[in-house]
Amino acid sequence: MNYVLISSIGAVFMGFFALFIRMKSAKKPTNALKIIMPPLFMSSGALMYVVPQFRLTPMEMIEVVIVGMLFSILLIKTSKFEIRENNIYLKRSKAFIFILVGLLVVRLVLKSILSTSIDFGQLSGMFFLLAYSMIVPWRIAMYLDYKKLFNQLYAVKS
């Protein structure tokens, strides 16, 4: 079994895990820490770049970050908050599920195509940076939306 197949299977499981977490989190009120913590925890993955096999060229980094930021637009558009029962909740979005699955499929297709010409370690570094470049802008946008509602909710209470 090759590394690309194993990592692709892992990506599918992570995608379904993300869907499960998203659907579960919509049932509970959110807070700023729940929005900010995932990218902070994920940032430890950047330690992979200590190993030369995972390092990227500056041009590869620019390309991957741009693609990640473009993909994040879809996540930003489907992540909205609402005030219910004096708490802030993430709104459920049916489109989010399709977008997340679509992004996963695109990622798997890209990985299978690129794995024929790019070393596995370097490809792993690219896809980590791609994921991080999607999550950071998405979470920043979520945090800004959350803060608007938080300020609105706080202003109503005082």
C-alpha atoms as a PDB file:
ATOM      1  CA  MET A   1       0.000   0.000   0.000  1.00  0.00           C
ATOM      2  CA  ASN A   2       1.483   3.359  -0.905  1.00  0.00           C
ATOM      3  CA  TYR A   3       1.647   6.546   1.147  1.00  0.00           C
ATOM      4  CA  VAL A   4      -0.710   8.534  -1.090  1.00  0.00           C
ATOM      5  CA  LEU A   5      -3.480   5.968  -0.674  1.00  0.00           C
ATOM      6  CA  ILE A   6      -3.016   5.756   3.086  1.00  0.00           C
ATOM      7  CA  SER A   7      -2.987   9.543   3.486  1.00  0.00           C
ATOM      8  CA  SER A   8      -6.053   9.836   1.228  1.00  0.00           C
ATOM      9  CA  ILE A   9      -7.950   7.377   3.398  1.00  0.00           C
ATOM     10  CA  GLY A  10      -6.892   9.448   6.417  1.00  0.00           C
ATOM     11  CA  ALA A  11      -8.162  12.611   4.699  1.00  0.00           C
ATOM     12  CA  VAL A  12     -11.557  10.995   4.097  1.00  0.00           C
ATOM     13  CA  PHE A  13     -11.835  10.038   7.770  1.00  0.00           C
ATOM     14  CA  MET A  14     -10.792  13.547   8.834  1.00  0.00           C
ATOM     15  CA  GLY A  15     -13.390  15.026   6.481  1.00  0.00           C
ATOM     16  CA  PHE A  16     -16.171  12.937   7.979  1.00  0.00           C
ATOM     17  CA  PHE A  17     -14.901  13.758  11.457  1.00  0.00           C
ATOM     18  CA  ALA A  18     -15.095  17.481  10.595  1.00  0.00           C
ATOM     19  CA  LEU A  19     -18.680  17.021   9.361  1.00  0.00           C
ATOM     20  CA  PHE A  20     -19.623  15.214  12.554  1.00  0.00           C
ATOM     21  CA  ILE A  21     -18.058  17.915  14.740  1.00  0.00           C
ATOM     22  CA  ARG A  22     -19.737  20.682  12.731  1.00  0.00           C
ATOM     23  CA  MET A  23     -23.185  19.093  13.031  1.00  0.00           C
ATOM     24  CA  LYS A  24     -22.699  18.473  16.747  1.00  0.00           C
ATOM     25  CA  SER A  25     -21.386  21.988  17.441  1.00  0.00           C
ATOM     26  CA  ALA A  26     -24.455  23.601  15.865  1.00  0.00           C
ATOM     27  CA  LYS A  27     -26.521  22.240  18.772  1.00  0.00           C
ATOM     28  CA  LYS A  28     -24.496  24.085  21.416  1.00  0.00           C
ATOM     29  CA  PRO A  29     -23.719  27.781  21.885  1.00  0.00           C
ATOM     30  CA  THR A  30     -20.314  28.841  20.641  1.00  0.00           C
ATOM     31  CA  ASN A  31     -17.677  31.143  22.047  1.00  0.00           C
ATOM     32  CA  ALA A  32     -14.500  32.827  20.855  1.00  0.00           C
ATOM     33  CA  LEU A  33     -12.228  30.037  22.106  1.00  0.00           C
ATOM     34  CA  LYS A  34     -14.093  27.386  20.112  1.00  0.00           C
ATOM     35  CA  ILE A  35     -13.471  29.471  16.999  1.00  0.00           C
ATOM     36  CA  ILE A  36      -9.844  30.395  17.636  1.00  0.00           C
ATOM     37  CA  MET A  37      -8.438  27.153  19.079  1.00  0.00           C
ATOM     38  CA  PRO A  38      -8.542  24.805  16.015  1.00  0.00           C
ATOM     39  CA  PRO A  39      -6.016  26.806  13.952  1.00  0.00           C
ATOM     40  CA  LEU A  40      -3.814  27.228  17.018  1.00  0.00           C
ATOM     41  CA  PHE A  41      -3.811  23.484  17.688  1.00  0.00           C
ATOM     42  CA  MET A  42      -3.259  22.744  14.030  1.00  0.00           C
ATOM     43  CA  SER A  43      -0.268  25.087  13.887  1.00  0.00           C
ATOM     44  CA  SER A  44       1.858  22.487  15.667  1.00  0.00           C
ATOM     45  CA  GLY A  45       1.738  20.529  12.399  1.00  0.00           C
ATOM     46  CA  ALA A  46       4.078  23.132  10.930  1.00  0.00           C
ATOM     47  CA  LEU A  47       6.854  21.327  12.797  1.00  0.00           C
ATOM     48  CA  MET A  48       6.861  18.966   9.816  1.00  0.00           C
ATOM     49  CA  TYR A  49       8.863  21.618   7.963  1.00  0.00           C
ATOM     50  CA  VAL A  50      11.806  20.970  10.303  1.00  0.00           C
ATOM     51  CA  VAL A  51      12.330  17.800   8.261  1.00  0.00           C
ATOM     52  CA  PRO A  52      13.822  18.735   4.859  1.00  0.00           C
ATOM     53  CA  GLN A  53      11.662  16.193   3.018  1.00  0.00           C
ATOM     54  CA  PHE A  54       8.510  18.267   3.751  1.00  0.00           C
ATOM     55  CA  ARG A  55       9.873  21.711   2.817  1.00  0.00           C
ATOM     56  CA  LEU A  56       8.428  23.730  -0.039  1.00  0.00           C
ATOM     57  CA  THR A  57       9.891  26.252  -2.427  1.00  0.00           C
ATOM     58  CA  PRO A  58       8.711  29.866  -2.018  1.00  0.00           C
ATOM     59  CA  MET A  59       6.703  29.588  -5.261  1.00  0.00           C
ATOM     60  CA  GLU A  60       4.974  26.411  -4.083  1.00  0.00           C
ATOM     61  CA  MET A  61       4.102  28.132  -0.811  1.00  0.00           C
ATOM     62  CA  ILE A  62       2.579  31.115  -2.634  1.00  0.00           C
ATOM     63  CA  GLU A  63       0.557  28.875  -4.959  1.00  0.00           C
ATOM     64  CA  VAL A  64      -0.749  26.686  -2.142  1.00  0.00           C
ATOM     65  CA  VAL A  65      -1.659  29.629   0.102  1.00  0.00           C
ATOM     66  CA  ILE A  66      -3.597  31.299  -2.737  1.00  0.00           C
ATOM     67  CA  VAL A  67      -5.527  28.092  -3.486  1.00  0.00           C
ATOM     68  CA  GLY A  68      -6.236  27.579   0.219  1.00  0.00           C
ATOM     69  CA  MET A  69      -7.519  31.132   0.604  1.00  0.00           C
ATOM     70  CA  LEU A  70      -9.741  30.726  -2.458  1.00  0.00           C
ATOM     71  CA  PHE A  71     -11.175  27.497  -1.029  1.00  0.00           C
ATOM     72  CA  SER A  72     -11.776  29.255   2.302  1.00  0.00           C
ATOM     73  CA  ILE A  73     -14.265  31.580   0.606  1.00  0.00           C
ATOM     74  CA  LEU A  74     -16.672  28.666   0.260  1.00  0.00           C
ATOM     75  CA  LEU A  75     -16.355  27.863   3.959  1.00  0.00           C
ATOM     76  CA  ILE A  76     -16.777  31.515   4.944  1.00  0.00           C
ATOM     77  CA  LYS A  77     -19.942  31.864   2.856  1.00  0.00           C
ATOM     78  CA  THR A  78     -21.562  28.879   4.581  1.00  0.00           C
ATOM     79  CA  SER A  79     -20.620  29.736   8.176  1.00  0.00           C
ATOM     80  CA  LYS A  80     -23.068  32.114   9.781  1.00  0.00           C
ATOM     81  CA  PHE A  81     -24.068  32.711  13.383  1.00  0.00           C
ATOM     82  CA  GLU A  82     -27.385  33.535  14.987  1.00  0.00           C
ATOM     83  CA  ILE A  83     -28.590  34.611  18.417  1.00  0.00           C
ATOM     84  CA  ARG A  84     -30.943  32.134  20.070  1.00  0.00           C
ATOM     85  CA  GLU A  85     -31.968  32.052  23.709  1.00  0.00           C
ATOM     86  CA  ASN A  86     -29.439  34.801  24.548  1.00  0.00           C
ATOM     87  CA  ASN A  87     -26.584  32.710  23.162  1.00  0.00           C
ATOM     88  CA  ILE A  88     -24.695  32.666  19.875  1.00  0.00           C
ATOM     89  CA  TYR A  89     -25.053  29.537  17.762  1.00  0.00           C
ATOM     90  CA  LEU A  90     -23.510  28.484  14.487  1.00  0.00           C
ATOM     91  CA  LYS A  91     -26.323  28.180  11.938  1.00  0.00           C
ATOM     92  CA  ARG A  92     -26.742  24.838  10.264  1.00  0.00           C
ATOM     93  CA  SER A  93     -26.108  24.956   6.555  1.00  0.00           C
ATOM     94  CA  LYS A  94     -26.944  22.108   4.197  1.00  0.00           C
ATOM     95  CA  ALA A  95     -24.576  23.657   1.664  1.00  0.00           C
ATOM     96  CA  PHE A  96     -21.668  23.340   4.120  1.00  0.00           C
ATOM     97  CA  ILE A  97     -21.822  19.537   3.971  1.00  0.00           C
ATOM     98  CA  PHE A  98     -21.745  19.535   0.175  1.00  0.00           C
ATOM     99  CA  ILE A  99     -18.951  22.105   0.071  1.00  0.00           C
ATOM    100  CA  LEU A 100     -16.830  20.191   2.588  1.00  0.00           C
ATOM    101  CA  VAL A 101     -17.337  16.920   0.697  1.00  0.00           C
ATOM    102  CA  GLY A 102     -16.635  18.738  -2.590  1.00  0.00           C
ATOM    103  CA  LEU A 103     -13.414  20.210  -1.229  1.00  0.00           C
ATOM    104  CA  LEU A 104     -12.418  16.770   0.010  1.00  0.00           C
ATOM    105  CA  VAL A 105     -13.022  15.263  -3.434  1.00  0.00           C
ATOM    106  CA  VAL A 106     -11.041  18.069  -5.104  1.00  0.00           C
ATOM    107  CA  ARG A 107      -8.234  17.520  -2.619  1.00  0.00           C
ATOM    108  CA  LEU A 108      -8.165  13.763  -3.287  1.00  0.00           C
ATOM    109  CA  VAL A 109      -8.158  14.287  -7.064  1.00  0.00           C
ATOM    110  CA  LEU A 110      -5.374  16.868  -6.825  1.00  0.00           C
ATOM    111  CA  LYS A 111      -3.380  14.588  -4.550  1.00  0.00           C
ATOM    112  CA  SER A 112      -3.661  11.631  -6.921  1.00  0.00           C
ATOM    113  CA  ILE A 113      -2.663  13.779  -9.918  1.00  0.00           C
ATOM    114  CA  LEU A 114       0.188  15.598  -8.174  1.00  0.00           C
ATOM    115  CA  SER A 115       1.561  12.438  -6.545  1.00  0.00           C
ATOM    116  CA  THR A 116       2.839  11.298  -9.936  1.00  0.00           C
ATOM    117  CA  SER A 117       5.194  14.272 -10.222  1.00  0.00           C
ATOM    118  CA  ILE A 118       5.804  15.540  -6.672  1.00  0.00           C
ATOM    119  CA  ASP A 119       7.582  13.685  -3.863  1.00  0.00           C
ATOM    120  CA  PHE A 120       5.254  12.387  -1.123  1.00  0.00           C
ATOM    121  CA  GLY A 121       6.911  14.429   1.641  1.00  0.00           C
ATOM    122  CA  GLN A 122       6.729  17.642  -0.321  1.00  0.00           C
ATOM    123  CA  LEU A 123       3.131  16.858  -1.304  1.00  0.00           C
ATOM    124  CA  SER A 124       2.297  16.332   2.372  1.00  0.00           C
ATOM    125  CA  GLY A 125       3.799  19.721   3.181  1.00  0.00           C
ATOM    126  CA  MET A 126       1.747  21.300   0.394  1.00  0.00           C
ATOM    127  CA  PHE A 127      -1.534  19.804   1.587  1.00  0.00           C
ATOM    128  CA  PHE A 128      -0.890  20.762   5.204  1.00  0.00           C
ATOM    129  CA  LEU A 129      -0.277  24.348   4.105  1.00  0.00           C
ATOM    130  CA  LEU A 130      -3.362  24.198   1.870  1.00  0.00           C
ATOM    131  CA  ALA A 131      -5.537  23.093   4.796  1.00  0.00           C
ATOM    132  CA  TYR A 132      -4.037  25.718   7.096  1.00  0.00           C
ATOM    133  CA  SER A 133      -4.500  28.416   4.446  1.00  0.00           C
ATOM    134  CA  MET A 134      -8.177  27.458   4.277  1.00  0.00           C
ATOM    135  CA  ILE A 135      -8.779  27.271   8.009  1.00  0.00           C
ATOM    136  CA  VAL A 136      -7.102  30.501   9.123  1.00  0.00           C
ATOM    137  CA  PRO A 137      -9.103  32.943   6.919  1.00  0.00           C
ATOM    138  CA  TRP A 138     -12.289  30.967   7.613  1.00  0.00           C
ATOM    139  CA  ARG A 139     -11.795  31.130  11.375  1.00  0.00           C
ATOM    140  CA  ILE A 140     -10.839  34.823  11.251  1.00  0.00           C
ATOM    141  CA  ALA A 141     -14.067  35.559   9.355  1.00  0.00           C
ATOM    142  CA  MET A 142     -16.029  33.448  11.845  1.00  0.00           C
ATOM    143  CA  TYR A 143     -14.428  35.283  14.762  1.00  0.00           C
ATOM    144  CA  LEU A 144     -15.279  38.695  13.293  1.00  0.00           C
ATOM    145  CA  ASP A 145     -18.897  37.628  12.710  1.00  0.00           C
ATOM    146  CA  TYR A 146     -19.053  36.193  16.213  1.00  0.00           C
ATOM    147  CA  LYS A 147     -17.702  39.426  17.746  1.00  0.00           C
ATOM    148  CA  LYS A 148     -20.383  41.469  15.931  1.00  0.00           C
ATOM    149  CA  LEU A 149     -23.133  39.298  17.381  1.00  0.00           C
ATOM    150  CA  PHE A 150     -21.446  39.196  20.775  1.00  0.00           C
ATOM    151  CA  ASN A 151     -21.325  43.011  20.882  1.00  0.00           C
ATOM    152  CA  GLN A 152     -24.943  43.166  19.717  1.00  0.00           C
ATOM    153  CA  LEU A 153     -26.008  40.666  22.374  1.00  0.00           C
ATOM    154  CA  TYR A 154     -24.009  42.435  25.068  1.00  0.00           C
ATOM    155  CA  ALA A 155     -25.465  45.831  24.094  1.00  0.00           C
ATOM    156  CA  VAL A 156     -28.993  44.409  24.376  1.00  0.00           C
ATOM    157  CA  LYS A 157     -28.328  43.098  27.911  1.00  0.00           C
ATOM    158  CA  SER A 158     -26.904  46.337  29.335  1.00  0.00           C
END
